Amino acid sequence: MADVTIYHNPKCSSSRTALGELRARDLDLDVVEYLKRPLDRKGLEELLDILDAPPSDLVRHDARFKELGLDPGDYATRKAVVDVLVEHPELMQRPILVRGGKAVIARPAAEVVASFVGPA
């Protein structure tokens, strides 16, 4: 089993920063490119179970969110978050780190990696 799982989007600078920080620590990593392998409903529920943040934090309110005509107030509950991310995995916040039964959204990437897994 990997030391850390990172839900990664290689097009995202924060995600690339987090991955670089993790690699600098020589950890055994499971890199999940979640746009190529989206989480299903069960996977999202399990992630929310261990996420150290409200469910709504898992949804990006970016240009794509606005393009879809979505309202942030509609995505505060677990069910609503899971529903939107099953349909639109590109709206999942990134990067997400999982280690030891806990998950965090790694923003800002370098600082969160350092506090979550320790210094390089």
PDB file of N, CA and C in Angstrom:
ATOM      1  N   MET A   1       0.839  -1.174   0.000  1.00  0.00           N
ATOM      2  CA  MET A   1       0.000   0.000   0.000  1.00  0.00           C
ATOM      3  C   MET A   1       0.888   1.243   0.000  1.00  0.00           C
ATOM      4  N   ALA A   2       0.466   2.248  -0.766  1.00  0.00           N
ATOM      5  CA  ALA A   2       1.228   3.490  -0.879  1.00  0.00           C
ATOM      6  C   ALA A   2       1.189   4.273   0.428  1.00  0.00           C
ATOM      7  N   ASP A   3       2.246   5.060   0.665  1.00  0.00           N
ATOM      8  CA  ASP A   3       2.278   5.960   1.821  1.00  0.00           C
ATOM      9  C   ASP A   3       1.223   7.052   1.687  1.00  0.00           C
ATOM     10  N   VAL A   4       1.097   7.575   0.460  1.00  0.00           N
ATOM     11  CA  VAL A   4       0.180   8.683   0.189  1.00  0.00           C
ATOM     12  C   VAL A   4      -0.475   8.459  -1.164  1.00  0.00           C
ATOM     13  N   THR A   5      -1.761   8.728  -1.218  1.00  0.00           N
ATOM     14  CA  THR A   5      -2.478   8.781  -2.491  1.00  0.00           C
ATOM     15  C   THR A   5      -2.733  10.246  -2.784  1.00  0.00           C
ATOM     16  N   ILE A   6      -2.477  10.639  -4.021  1.00  0.00           N
ATOM     17  CA  ILE A   6      -2.766  12.002  -4.448  1.00  0.00           C
ATOM     18  C   ILE A   6      -3.739  11.930  -5.613  1.00  0.00           C
ATOM     19  N   TYR A   7      -4.850  12.633  -5.465  1.00  0.00           N
ATOM     20  CA  TYR A   7      -5.793  12.807  -6.561  1.00  0.00           C
ATOM     21  C   TYR A   7      -5.302  14.024  -7.316  1.00  0.00           C
ATOM     22  N   HIS A   8      -4.839  13.771  -8.535  1.00  0.00           N
ATOM     23  CA  HIS A   8      -3.975  14.694  -9.260  1.00  0.00           C
ATOM     24  C   HIS A   8      -4.556  15.067 -10.616  1.00  0.00           C
ATOM     25  N   ASN A   9      -4.373  16.336 -10.971  1.00  0.00           N
ATOM     26  CA  ASN A   9      -4.670  16.819 -12.312  1.00  0.00           C
ATOM     27  C   ASN A   9      -3.383  17.448 -12.827  1.00  0.00           C
ATOM     28  N   PRO A  10      -2.724  16.808 -13.803  1.00  0.00           N
ATOM     29  CA  PRO A  10      -1.437  17.315 -14.269  1.00  0.00           C
ATOM     30  C   PRO A  10      -1.506  18.704 -14.896  1.00  0.00           C
ATOM     31  N   LYS A  11      -2.692  19.192 -15.245  1.00  0.00           N
ATOM     32  CA  LYS A  11      -2.821  20.534 -15.810  1.00  0.00           C
ATOM     33  C   LYS A  11      -2.900  21.616 -14.736  1.00  0.00           C
ATOM     34  N   CYS A  12      -3.031  21.212 -13.482  1.00  0.00           N
ATOM     35  CA  CYS A  12      -3.196  22.148 -12.367  1.00  0.00           C
ATOM     36  C   CYS A  12      -1.844  22.423 -11.710  1.00  0.00           C
ATOM     37  N   SER A  13      -1.469  23.684 -11.601  1.00  0.00           N
ATOM     38  CA  SER A  13      -0.168  24.022 -11.017  1.00  0.00           C
ATOM     39  C   SER A  13      -0.095  23.626  -9.538  1.00  0.00           C
ATOM     40  N   SER A  14      -1.173  23.782  -8.790  1.00  0.00           N
ATOM     41  CA  SER A  14      -1.162  23.364  -7.378  1.00  0.00           C
ATOM     42  C   SER A  14      -0.973  21.860  -7.254  1.00  0.00           C
ATOM     43  N   SER A  15      -1.607  21.134  -8.145  1.00  0.00           N
ATOM     44  CA  SER A  15      -1.477  19.683  -8.129  1.00  0.00           C
ATOM     45  C   SER A  15      -0.044  19.262  -8.492  1.00  0.00           C
ATOM     46  N   ARG A  16       0.532  19.914  -9.482  1.00  0.00           N
ATOM     47  CA  ARG A  16       1.921  19.602  -9.857  1.00  0.00           C
ATOM     48  C   ARG A  16       2.876  19.952  -8.720  1.00  0.00           C
ATOM     49  N   THR A  17       2.620  21.068  -8.049  1.00  0.00           N
ATOM     50  CA  THR A  17       3.459  21.452  -6.908  1.00  0.00           C
ATOM     51  C   THR A  17       3.381  20.403  -5.810  1.00  0.00           C
ATOM     52  N   ALA A  18       2.175  19.988  -5.470  1.00  0.00           N
ATOM     53  CA  ALA A  18       2.003  18.977  -4.417  1.00  0.00           C
ATOM     54  C   ALA A  18       2.697  17.677  -4.791  1.00  0.00           C
ATOM     55  N   LEU A  19       2.551  17.244  -6.031  1.00  0.00           N
ATOM     56  CA  LEU A  19       3.200  16.006  -6.465  1.00  0.00           C
ATOM     57  C   LEU A  19       4.713  16.138  -6.376  1.00  0.00           C
ATOM     58  N   GLY A  20       5.255  17.275  -6.782  1.00  0.00           N
ATOM     59  CA  GLY A  20       6.698  17.500  -6.670  1.00  0.00           C
ATOM     60  C   GLY A  20       7.161  17.468  -5.222  1.00  0.00           C
ATOM     61  N   GLU A  21       6.398  18.097  -4.341  1.00  0.00           N
ATOM     62  CA  GLU A  21       6.731  18.087  -2.914  1.00  0.00           C
ATOM     63  C   GLU A  21       6.709  16.660  -2.357  1.00  0.00           C
ATOM     64  N   LEU A  22       5.735  15.892  -2.756  1.00  0.00           N
ATOM     65  CA  LEU A  22       5.652  14.503  -2.289  1.00  0.00           C
ATOM     66  C   LEU A  22       6.821  13.680  -2.820  1.00  0.00           C
ATOM     67  N   ARG A  23       7.138  13.849  -4.090  1.00  0.00           N
ATOM     68  CA  ARG A  23       8.260  13.098  -4.684  1.00  0.00           C
ATOM     69  C   ARG A  23       9.579  13.469  -4.026  1.00  0.00           C
ATOM     70  N   ALA A  24       9.727  14.713  -3.602  1.00  0.00           N
ATOM     71  CA  ALA A  24      10.954  15.155  -2.930  1.00  0.00           C
ATOM     72  C   ALA A  24      11.134  14.445  -1.589  1.00  0.00           C
ATOM     73  N   ARG A  25      10.066  13.916  -1.057  1.00  0.00           N
ATOM     74  CA  ARG A  25      10.123  13.215   0.231  1.00  0.00           C
ATOM     75  C   ARG A  25      10.328  11.708   0.053  1.00  0.00           C
ATOM     76  N   ASP A  26      10.477  11.270  -1.178  1.00  0.00           N
ATOM     77  CA  ASP A  26      10.764   9.867  -1.487  1.00  0.00           C
ATOM     78  C   ASP A  26       9.730   8.921  -0.859  1.00  0.00           C
ATOM     79  N   LEU A  27       8.467   9.283  -0.981  1.00  0.00           N
ATOM     80  CA  LEU A  27       7.380   8.455  -0.467  1.00  0.00           C
ATOM     81  C   LEU A  27       6.884   7.511  -1.553  1.00  0.00           C
ATOM     82  N   ASP A  28       6.295   6.411  -1.127  1.00  0.00           N
ATOM     83  CA  ASP A  28       5.613   5.519  -2.051  1.00  0.00           C
ATOM     84  C   ASP A  28       4.262   6.164  -2.356  1.00  0.00           C
ATOM     85  N   LEU A  29       4.059   6.543  -3.614  1.00  0.00           N
ATOM     86  CA  LEU A  29       2.874   7.299  -3.994  1.00  0.00           C
ATOM     87  C   LEU A  29       1.952   6.500  -4.901  1.00  0.00           C
ATOM     88  N   ASP A  30       0.667   6.723  -4.713  1.00  0.00           N
ATOM     89  CA  ASP A  30      -0.353   6.276  -5.656  1.00  0.00           C
ATOM     90  C   ASP A  30      -0.900   7.557  -6.274  1.00  0.00           C
ATOM     91  N   VAL A  31      -0.567   7.800  -7.527  1.00  0.00           N
ATOM     92  CA  VAL A  31      -0.999   9.010  -8.219  1.00  0.00           C
ATOM     93  C   VAL A  31      -2.241   8.661  -9.030  1.00  0.00           C
ATOM     94  N   VAL A  32      -3.357   9.245  -8.635  1.00  0.00           N
ATOM     95  CA  VAL A  32      -4.630   8.983  -9.305  1.00  0.00           C
ATOM     96  C   VAL A  32      -4.994  10.211 -10.125  1.00  0.00           C
ATOM     97  N   GLU A  33      -4.912  10.076 -11.446  1.00  0.00           N
ATOM     98  CA  GLU A  33      -5.365  11.146 -12.324  1.00  0.00           C
ATOM     99  C   GLU A  33      -6.879  10.993 -12.422  1.00  0.00           C
ATOM    100  N   TYR A  34      -7.573  11.713 -11.556  1.00  0.00           N
ATOM    101  CA  TYR A  34      -9.002  11.499 -11.359  1.00  0.00           C
ATOM    102  C   TYR A  34      -9.850  11.884 -12.568  1.00  0.00           C
ATOM    103  N   LEU A  35      -9.303  12.599 -13.520  1.00  0.00           N
ATOM    104  CA  LEU A  35     -10.072  12.860 -14.742  1.00  0.00           C
ATOM    105  C   LEU A  35     -10.006  11.669 -15.686  1.00  0.00           C
ATOM    106  N   LYS A  36      -8.948  10.871 -15.578  1.00  0.00           N
ATOM    107  CA  LYS A  36      -8.846   9.635 -16.359  1.00  0.00           C
ATOM    108  C   LYS A  36      -9.548   8.484 -15.652  1.00  0.00           C
ATOM    109  N   ARG A  37      -9.499   8.497 -14.332  1.00  0.00           N
ATOM    110  CA  ARG A  37     -10.145   7.466 -13.505  1.00  0.00           C
ATOM    111  C   ARG A  37     -11.034   8.156 -12.465  1.00  0.00           C
ATOM    112  N   PRO A  38     -12.184   8.683 -12.888  1.00  0.00           N
ATOM    113  CA  PRO A  38     -13.036   9.420 -11.943  1.00  0.00           C
ATOM    114  C   PRO A  38     -13.538   8.516 -10.817  1.00  0.00           C
ATOM    115  N   LEU A  39     -13.702   9.119  -9.667  1.00  0.00           N
ATOM    116  CA  LEU A  39     -14.273   8.398  -8.543  1.00  0.00           C
ATOM    117  C   LEU A  39     -15.756   8.158  -8.797  1.00  0.00           C
ATOM    118  N   ASP A  40     -16.215   6.978  -8.432  1.00  0.00           N
ATOM    119  CA  ASP A  40     -17.637   6.694  -8.514  1.00  0.00           C
ATOM    120  C   ASP A  40     -18.304   7.179  -7.229  1.00  0.00           C
ATOM    121  N   ARG A  41     -19.592   6.986  -7.129  1.00  0.00           N
ATOM    122  CA  ARG A  41     -20.355   7.449  -5.970  1.00  0.00           C
ATOM    123  C   ARG A  41     -19.765   6.898  -4.672  1.00  0.00           C
ATOM    124  N   LYS A  42     -19.456   5.607  -4.645  1.00  0.00           N
ATOM    125  CA  LYS A  42     -18.907   4.983  -3.437  1.00  0.00           C
ATOM    126  C   LYS A  42     -17.545   5.594  -3.092  1.00  0.00           C
ATOM    127  N   GLY A  43     -16.690   5.782  -4.100  1.00  0.00           N
ATOM    128  CA  GLY A  43     -15.377   6.375  -3.862  1.00  0.00           C
ATOM    129  C   GLY A  43     -15.460   7.789  -3.325  1.00  0.00           C
ATOM    130  N   LEU A  44     -16.392   8.565  -3.848  1.00  0.00           N
ATOM    131  CA  LEU A  44     -16.576   9.934  -3.360  1.00  0.00           C
ATOM    132  C   LEU A  44     -17.097   9.940  -1.929  1.00  0.00           C
ATOM    133  N   GLU A  45     -18.037   9.041  -1.620  1.00  0.00           N
ATOM    134  CA  GLU A  45     -18.554   8.939  -0.249  1.00  0.00           C
ATOM    135  C   GLU A  45     -17.423   8.591   0.717  1.00  0.00           C
ATOM    136  N   GLU A  46     -16.573   7.638   0.318  1.00  0.00           N
ATOM    137  CA  GLU A  46     -15.455   7.237   1.174  1.00  0.00           C
ATOM    138  C   GLU A  46     -14.469   8.385   1.363  1.00  0.00           C
ATOM    139  N   LEU A  47     -14.234   9.143   0.311  1.00  0.00           N
ATOM    140  CA  LEU A  47     -13.340  10.294   0.416  1.00  0.00           C
ATOM    141  C   LEU A  47     -13.929  11.338   1.366  1.00  0.00           C
ATOM    142  N   LEU A  48     -15.200  11.606   1.253  1.00  0.00           N
ATOM    143  CA  LEU A  48     -15.847  12.569   2.144  1.00  0.00           C
ATOM    144  C   LEU A  48     -15.823  12.104   3.597  1.00  0.00           C
ATOM    145  N   ASP A  49     -15.858  10.792   3.809  1.00  0.00           N
ATOM    146  CA  ASP A  49     -15.804  10.254   5.178  1.00  0.00           C
ATOM    147  C   ASP A  49     -14.508  10.625   5.891  1.00  0.00           C
ATOM    148  N   ILE A  50     -13.428  10.769   5.131  1.00  0.00           N
ATOM    149  CA  ILE A  50     -12.126  11.011   5.755  1.00  0.00           C
ATOM    150  C   ILE A  50     -11.583  12.419   5.488  1.00  0.00           C
ATOM    151  N   LEU A  51     -12.318  13.212   4.729  1.00  0.00           N
ATOM    152  CA  LEU A  51     -11.882  14.563   4.400  1.00  0.00           C
ATOM    153  C   LEU A  51     -12.019  15.479   5.604  1.00  0.00           C
ATOM    154  N   ASP A  52     -10.962  16.212   5.874  1.00  0.00           N
ATOM    155  CA  ASP A  52     -10.941  17.148   6.995  1.00  0.00           C
ATOM    156  C   ASP A  52     -11.453  18.518   6.540  1.00  0.00           C
ATOM    157  N   ALA A  53     -12.673  18.534   6.001  1.00  0.00           N
ATOM    158  CA  ALA A  53     -13.281  19.769   5.507  1.00  0.00           C
ATOM    159  C   ALA A  53     -14.760  19.493   5.251  1.00  0.00           C
ATOM    160  N   PRO A  54     -15.562  20.535   5.190  1.00  0.00           N
ATOM    161  CA  PRO A  54     -16.971  20.339   4.843  1.00  0.00           C
ATOM    162  C   PRO A  54     -17.091  19.768   3.426  1.00  0.00           C
ATOM    163  N   PRO A  55     -18.132  18.997   3.153  1.00  0.00           N
ATOM    164  CA  PRO A  55     -18.305  18.423   1.807  1.00  0.00           C
ATOM    165  C   PRO A  55     -18.239  19.467   0.698  1.00  0.00           C
ATOM    166  N   SER A  56     -18.790  20.637   0.942  1.00  0.00           N
ATOM    167  CA  SER A  56     -18.825  21.670  -0.102  1.00  0.00           C
ATOM    168  C   SER A  56     -17.427  22.097  -0.552  1.00  0.00           C
ATOM    169  N   ASP A  57     -16.423  21.933   0.298  1.00  0.00           N
ATOM    170  CA  ASP A  57     -15.052  22.308  -0.068  1.00  0.00           C
ATOM    171  C   ASP A  57     -14.485  21.440  -1.189  1.00  0.00           C
ATOM    172  N   LEU A  58     -15.100  20.294  -1.430  1.00  0.00           N
ATOM    173  CA  LEU A  58     -14.606  19.381  -2.455  1.00  0.00           C
ATOM    174  C   LEU A  58     -14.984  19.840  -3.865  1.00  0.00           C
ATOM    175  N   VAL A  59     -15.871  20.818  -3.973  1.00  0.00           N
ATOM    176  CA  VAL A  59     -16.341  21.295  -5.278  1.00  0.00           C
ATOM    177  C   VAL A  59     -15.673  22.624  -5.623  1.00  0.00           C
ATOM    178  N   ARG A  60     -15.062  22.653  -6.788  1.00  0.00           N
ATOM    179  CA  ARG A  60     -14.449  23.882  -7.300  1.00  0.00           C
ATOM    180  C   ARG A  60     -15.537  24.796  -7.853  1.00  0.00           C
ATOM    181  N   HIS A  61     -15.494  26.055  -7.488  1.00  0.00           N
ATOM    182  CA  HIS A  61     -16.435  27.042  -8.024  1.00  0.00           C
ATOM    183  C   HIS A  61     -15.708  27.901  -9.044  1.00  0.00           C
ATOM    184  N   ASP A  62     -15.224  27.239 -10.079  1.00  0.00           N
ATOM    185  CA  ASP A  62     -14.393  27.894 -11.086  1.00  0.00           C
ATOM    186  C   ASP A  62     -15.204  28.267 -12.321  1.00  0.00           C
ATOM    187  N   ALA A  63     -14.518  28.573 -13.398  1.00  0.00           N
ATOM    188  CA  ALA A  63     -15.188  28.974 -14.639  1.00  0.00           C
ATOM    189  C   ALA A  63     -16.093  27.863 -15.162  1.00  0.00           C
ATOM    190  N   ARG A  64     -15.657  26.618 -15.044  1.00  0.00           N
ATOM    191  CA  ARG A  64     -16.488  25.503 -15.510  1.00  0.00           C
ATOM    192  C   ARG A  64     -17.771  25.416 -14.688  1.00  0.00           C
ATOM    193  N   PHE A  65     -17.675  25.607 -13.395  1.00  0.00           N
ATOM    194  CA  PHE A  65     -18.838  25.608 -12.509  1.00  0.00           C
ATOM    195  C   PHE A  65     -19.838  26.670 -12.983  1.00  0.00           C
ATOM    196  N   LYS A  66     -19.335  27.859 -13.259  1.00  0.00           N
ATOM    197  CA  LYS A  66     -20.191  28.959 -13.723  1.00  0.00           C
ATOM    198  C   LYS A  66     -20.762  28.672 -15.105  1.00  0.00           C
ATOM    199  N   GLU A  67     -19.921  28.085 -15.982  1.00  0.00           N
ATOM    200  CA  GLU A  67     -20.363  27.731 -17.333  1.00  0.00           C
ATOM    201  C   GLU A  67     -21.555  26.768 -17.295  1.00  0.00           C
ATOM    202  N   LEU A  68     -21.554  25.892 -16.309  1.00  0.00           N
ATOM    203  CA  LEU A  68     -22.650  24.933 -16.154  1.00  0.00           C
ATOM    204  C   LEU A  68     -23.888  25.568 -15.516  1.00  0.00           C
ATOM    205  N   GLY A  69     -23.765  26.823 -15.101  1.00  0.00           N
ATOM    206  CA  GLY A  69     -24.891  27.532 -14.505  1.00  0.00           C
ATOM    207  C   GLY A  69     -25.237  27.056 -13.103  1.00  0.00           C
ATOM    208  N   LEU A  70     -24.242  26.561 -12.382  1.00  0.00           N
ATOM    209  CA  LEU A  70     -24.476  26.021 -11.045  1.00  0.00           C
ATOM    210  C   LEU A  70     -24.405  27.117  -9.990  1.00  0.00           C
ATOM    211  N   ASP A  71     -25.105  26.891  -8.898  1.00  0.00           N
ATOM    212  CA  ASP A  71     -25.152  27.827  -7.782  1.00  0.00           C
ATOM    213  C   ASP A  71     -24.432  27.203  -6.589  1.00  0.00           C
ATOM    214  N   PRO A  72     -23.391  27.847  -6.047  1.00  0.00           N
ATOM    215  CA  PRO A  72     -22.652  27.276  -4.913  1.00  0.00           C
ATOM    216  C   PRO A  72     -23.549  26.865  -3.744  1.00  0.00           C
ATOM    217  N   GLY A  73     -24.617  27.589  -3.516  1.00  0.00           N
ATOM    218  CA  GLY A  73     -25.515  27.269  -2.413  1.00  0.00           C
ATOM    219  C   GLY A  73     -26.216  25.929  -2.557  1.00  0.00           C
ATOM    220  N   ASP A  74     -26.242  25.405  -3.766  1.00  0.00           N
ATOM    221  CA  ASP A  74     -26.895  24.118  -4.010  1.00  0.00           C
ATOM    222  C   ASP A  74     -25.987  22.925  -3.712  1.00  0.00           C
ATOM    223  N   TYR A  75     -24.731  23.178  -3.357  1.00  0.00           N
ATOM    224  CA  TYR A  75     -23.766  22.090  -3.178  1.00  0.00           C
ATOM    225  C   TYR A  75     -23.126  22.126  -1.802  1.00  0.00           C
ATOM    226  N   ALA A  76     -23.980  22.150  -0.783  1.00  0.00           N
ATOM    227  CA  ALA A  76     -23.508  22.177   0.604  1.00  0.00           C
ATOM    228  C   ALA A  76     -23.637  20.816   1.277  1.00  0.00           C
ATOM    229  N   THR A  77     -24.502  19.958   0.771  1.00  0.00           N
ATOM    230  CA  THR A  77     -24.719  18.655   1.405  1.00  0.00           C
ATOM    231  C   THR A  77     -23.870  17.581   0.736  1.00  0.00           C
ATOM    232  N   ARG A  78     -23.619  16.511   1.474  1.00  0.00           N
ATOM    233  CA  ARG A  78     -22.857  15.380   0.927  1.00  0.00           C
ATOM    234  C   ARG A  78     -23.492  14.858  -0.357  1.00  0.00           C
ATOM    235  N   LYS A  79     -24.808  14.660  -0.313  1.00  0.00           N
ATOM    236  CA  LYS A  79     -25.496  14.091  -1.473  1.00  0.00           C
ATOM    237  C   LYS A  79     -25.330  14.988  -2.696  1.00  0.00           C
ATOM    238  N   ALA A  80     -25.532  16.294  -2.518  1.00  0.00           N
ATOM    239  CA  ALA A  80     -25.400  17.220  -3.642  1.00  0.00           C
ATOM    240  C   ALA A  80     -23.973  17.239  -4.184  1.00  0.00           C
ATOM    241  N   VAL A  81     -22.992  17.196  -3.294  1.00  0.00           N
ATOM    242  CA  VAL A  81     -21.589  17.184  -3.709  1.00  0.00           C
ATOM    243  C   VAL A  81     -21.279  15.913  -4.492  1.00  0.00           C
ATOM    244  N   VAL A  82     -21.692  14.780  -3.971  1.00  0.00           N
ATOM    245  CA  VAL A  82     -21.447  13.513  -4.671  1.00  0.00           C
ATOM    246  C   VAL A  82     -22.153  13.523  -6.025  1.00  0.00           C
ATOM    247  N   ASP A  83     -23.394  13.960  -6.057  1.00  0.00           N
ATOM    248  CA  ASP A  83     -24.141  13.987  -7.321  1.00  0.00           C
ATOM    249  C   ASP A  83     -23.427  14.825  -8.379  1.00  0.00           C
ATOM    250  N   VAL A  84     -22.991  16.030  -8.014  1.00  0.00           N
ATOM    251  CA  VAL A  84     -22.360  16.894  -9.012  1.00  0.00           C
ATOM    252  C   VAL A  84     -20.994  16.346  -9.441  1.00  0.00           C
ATOM    253  N   LEU A  85     -20.246  15.736  -8.519  1.00  0.00           N
ATOM    254  CA  LEU A  85     -18.917  15.236  -8.886  1.00  0.00           C
ATOM    255  C   LEU A  85     -18.980  13.929  -9.675  1.00  0.00           C
ATOM    256  N   VAL A  86     -20.019  13.158  -9.489  1.00  0.00           N
ATOM    257  CA  VAL A  86     -20.204  11.967 -10.337  1.00  0.00           C
ATOM    258  C   VAL A  86     -20.466  12.421 -11.770  1.00  0.00           C
ATOM    259  N   GLU A  87     -21.286  13.442 -11.913  1.00  0.00           N
ATOM    260  CA  GLU A  87     -21.632  13.937 -13.244  1.00  0.00           C
ATOM    261  C   GLU A  87     -20.528  14.792 -13.861  1.00  0.00           C
ATOM    262  N   HIS A  88     -19.813  15.544 -13.017  1.00  0.00           N
ATOM    263  CA  HIS A  88     -18.782  16.483 -13.504  1.00  0.00           C
ATOM    264  C   HIS A  88     -17.506  16.338 -12.673  1.00  0.00           C
ATOM    265  N   PRO A  89     -16.730  15.270 -12.885  1.00  0.00           N
ATOM    266  CA  PRO A  89     -15.520  15.071 -12.073  1.00  0.00           C
ATOM    267  C   PRO A  89     -14.509  16.205 -12.191  1.00  0.00           C
ATOM    268  N   GLU A  90     -14.572  16.976 -13.252  1.00  0.00           N
ATOM    269  CA  GLU A  90     -13.644  18.097 -13.418  1.00  0.00           C
ATOM    270  C   GLU A  90     -13.862  19.185 -12.368  1.00  0.00           C
ATOM    271  N   LEU A  91     -14.974  19.129 -11.659  1.00  0.00           N
ATOM    272  CA  LEU A  91     -15.250  20.116 -10.613  1.00  0.00           C
ATOM    273  C   LEU A  91     -14.663  19.732  -9.260  1.00  0.00           C
ATOM    274  N   MET A  92     -14.008  18.571  -9.186  1.00  0.00           N
ATOM    275  CA  MET A  92     -13.432  18.161  -7.907  1.00  0.00           C
ATOM    276  C   MET A  92     -12.202  19.010  -7.597  1.00  0.00           C
ATOM    277  N   GLN A  93     -12.149  19.494  -6.388  1.00  0.00           N
ATOM    278  CA  GLN A  93     -11.004  20.268  -5.926  1.00  0.00           C
ATOM    279  C   GLN A  93      -9.749  19.412  -6.004  1.00  0.00           C
ATOM    280  N   ARG A  94      -8.621  20.044  -6.246  1.00  0.00           N
ATOM    281  CA  ARG A  94      -7.359  19.308  -6.328  1.00  0.00           C
ATOM    282  C   ARG A  94      -6.237  20.198  -5.864  1.00  0.00           C
ATOM    283  N   PRO A  95      -5.186  19.541  -5.479  1.00  0.00           N
ATOM    284  CA  PRO A  95      -5.004  18.108  -5.267  1.00  0.00           C
ATOM    285  C   PRO A  95      -5.585  17.686  -3.917  1.00  0.00           C
ATOM    286  N   ILE A  96      -5.881  16.429  -3.830  1.00  0.00           N
ATOM    287  CA  ILE A  96      -6.334  15.851  -2.564  1.00  0.00           C
ATOM    288  C   ILE A  96      -5.321  14.795  -2.175  1.00  0.00           C
ATOM    289  N   LEU A  97      -4.895  14.839  -0.920  1.00  0.00           N
ATOM    290  CA  LEU A  97      -3.945  13.869  -0.393  1.00  0.00           C
ATOM    291  C   LEU A  97      -4.654  12.970   0.601  1.00  0.00           C
ATOM    292  N   VAL A  98      -4.336  11.681   0.529  1.00  0.00           N
ATOM    293  CA  VAL A  98      -4.881  10.709   1.473  1.00  0.00           C
ATOM    294  C   VAL A  98      -3.714   9.962   2.098  1.00  0.00           C
ATOM    295  N   ARG A  99      -3.748   9.915   3.428  1.00  0.00           N
ATOM    296  CA  ARG A  99      -2.690   9.224   4.165  1.00  0.00           C
ATOM    297  C   ARG A  99      -3.237   8.803   5.522  1.00  0.00           C
ATOM    298  N   GLY A 100      -3.022   7.548   5.874  1.00  0.00           N
ATOM    299  CA  GLY A 100      -3.390   7.070   7.200  1.00  0.00           C
ATOM    300  C   GLY A 100      -4.851   7.276   7.549  1.00  0.00           C
ATOM    301  N   GLY A 101      -5.735   7.082   6.591  1.00  0.00           N
ATOM    302  CA  GLY A 101      -7.160   7.210   6.863  1.00  0.00           C
ATOM    303  C   GLY A 101      -7.656   8.637   6.990  1.00  0.00           C
ATOM    304  N   LYS A 102      -6.859   9.602   6.518  1.00  0.00           N
ATOM    305  CA  LYS A 102      -7.263  11.011   6.530  1.00  0.00           C
ATOM    306  C   LYS A 102      -7.019  11.605   5.154  1.00  0.00           C
ATOM    307  N   ALA A 103      -7.849  12.576   4.798  1.00  0.00           N
ATOM    308  CA  ALA A 103      -7.700  13.256   3.513  1.00  0.00           C
ATOM    309  C   ALA A 103      -7.728  14.760   3.737  1.00  0.00           C
ATOM    310  N   VAL A 104      -6.930  15.470   2.920  1.00  0.00           N
ATOM    311  CA  VAL A 104      -6.911  16.923   2.948  1.00  0.00           C
ATOM    312  C   VAL A 104      -6.859  17.453   1.519  1.00  0.00           C
ATOM    313  N   ILE A 105      -7.414  18.644   1.366  1.00  0.00           N
ATOM    314  CA  ILE A 105      -7.261  19.370   0.113  1.00  0.00           C
ATOM    315  C   ILE A 105      -5.967  20.156   0.247  1.00  0.00           C
ATOM    316  N   ALA A 106      -5.024  19.898  -0.631  1.00  0.00           N
ATOM    317  CA  ALA A 106      -3.674  20.457  -0.505  1.00  0.00           C
ATOM    318  C   ALA A 106      -3.569  21.824  -1.165  1.00  0.00           C
ATOM    319  N   ARG A 107      -4.182  22.794  -0.540  1.00  0.00           N
ATOM    320  CA  ARG A 107      -4.114  24.190  -0.985  1.00  0.00           C
ATOM    321  C   ARG A 107      -3.895  25.052   0.238  1.00  0.00           C
ATOM    322  N   PRO A 108      -2.824  25.780   0.324  1.00  0.00           N
ATOM    323  CA  PRO A 108      -1.715  25.871  -0.624  1.00  0.00           C
ATOM    324  C   PRO A 108      -0.856  24.602  -0.568  1.00  0.00           C
ATOM    325  N   ALA A 109      -0.470  24.146  -1.717  1.00  0.00           N
ATOM    326  CA  ALA A 109       0.125  22.819  -1.876  1.00  0.00           C
ATOM    327  C   ALA A 109       1.358  22.581  -1.007  1.00  0.00           C
ATOM    328  N   ALA A 110       2.361  23.410  -1.121  1.00  0.00           N
ATOM    329  CA  ALA A 110       3.618  23.162  -0.407  1.00  0.00           C
ATOM    330  C   ALA A 110       3.417  23.146   1.107  1.00  0.00           C
ATOM    331  N   GLU A 111       2.635  24.077   1.613  1.00  0.00           N
ATOM    332  CA  GLU A 111       2.415  24.155   3.057  1.00  0.00           C
ATOM    333  C   GLU A 111       1.619  22.972   3.575  1.00  0.00           C
ATOM    334  N   VAL A 112       0.592  22.581   2.831  1.00  0.00           N
ATOM    335  CA  VAL A 112      -0.231  21.448   3.271  1.00  0.00           C
ATOM    336  C   VAL A 112       0.558  20.144   3.200  1.00  0.00           C
ATOM    337  N   VAL A 113       1.329  19.955   2.144  1.00  0.00           N
ATOM    338  CA  VAL A 113       2.156  18.744   2.055  1.00  0.00           C
ATOM    339  C   VAL A 113       3.094  18.672   3.258  1.00  0.00           C
ATOM    340  N   ALA A 114       3.763  19.776   3.568  1.00  0.00           N
ATOM    341  CA  ALA A 114       4.705  19.788   4.695  1.00  0.00           C
ATOM    342  C   ALA A 114       4.008  19.449   6.004  1.00  0.00           C
ATOM    343  N   SER A 115       2.822  19.986   6.229  1.00  0.00           N
ATOM    344  CA  SER A 115       2.144  19.711   7.495  1.00  0.00           C
ATOM    345  C   SER A 115       1.505  18.326   7.511  1.00  0.00           C
ATOM    346  N   PHE A 116       1.112  17.816   6.353  1.00  0.00           N
ATOM    347  CA  PHE A 116       0.417  16.530   6.291  1.00  0.00           C
ATOM    348  C   PHE A 116       1.367  15.343   6.306  1.00  0.00           C
ATOM    349  N   VAL A 117       2.520  15.467   5.628  1.00  0.00           N
ATOM    350  CA  VAL A 117       3.446  14.331   5.556  1.00  0.00           C
ATOM    351  C   VAL A 117       4.798  14.614   6.198  1.00  0.00           C
ATOM    352  N   GLY A 118       5.060  15.861   6.552  1.00  0.00           N
ATOM    353  CA  GLY A 118       6.322  16.206   7.179  1.00  0.00           C
ATOM    354  C   GLY A 118       7.274  16.878   6.219  1.00  0.00           C
ATOM    355  N   PRO A 119       8.362  17.414   6.760  1.00  0.00           N
ATOM    356  CA  PRO A 119       9.319  18.159   5.927  1.00  0.00           C
ATOM    357  C   PRO A 119      10.089  17.236   4.983  1.00  0.00           C
ATOM    358  N   ALA A 120      10.623  17.860   3.942  1.00  0.00           N
ATOM    359  CA  ALA A 120      11.403  17.105   2.937  1.00  0.00           C
ATOM    360  C   ALA A 120      12.758  16.745   3.505  1.00  0.00           C
TER     361      ALA A 120
END
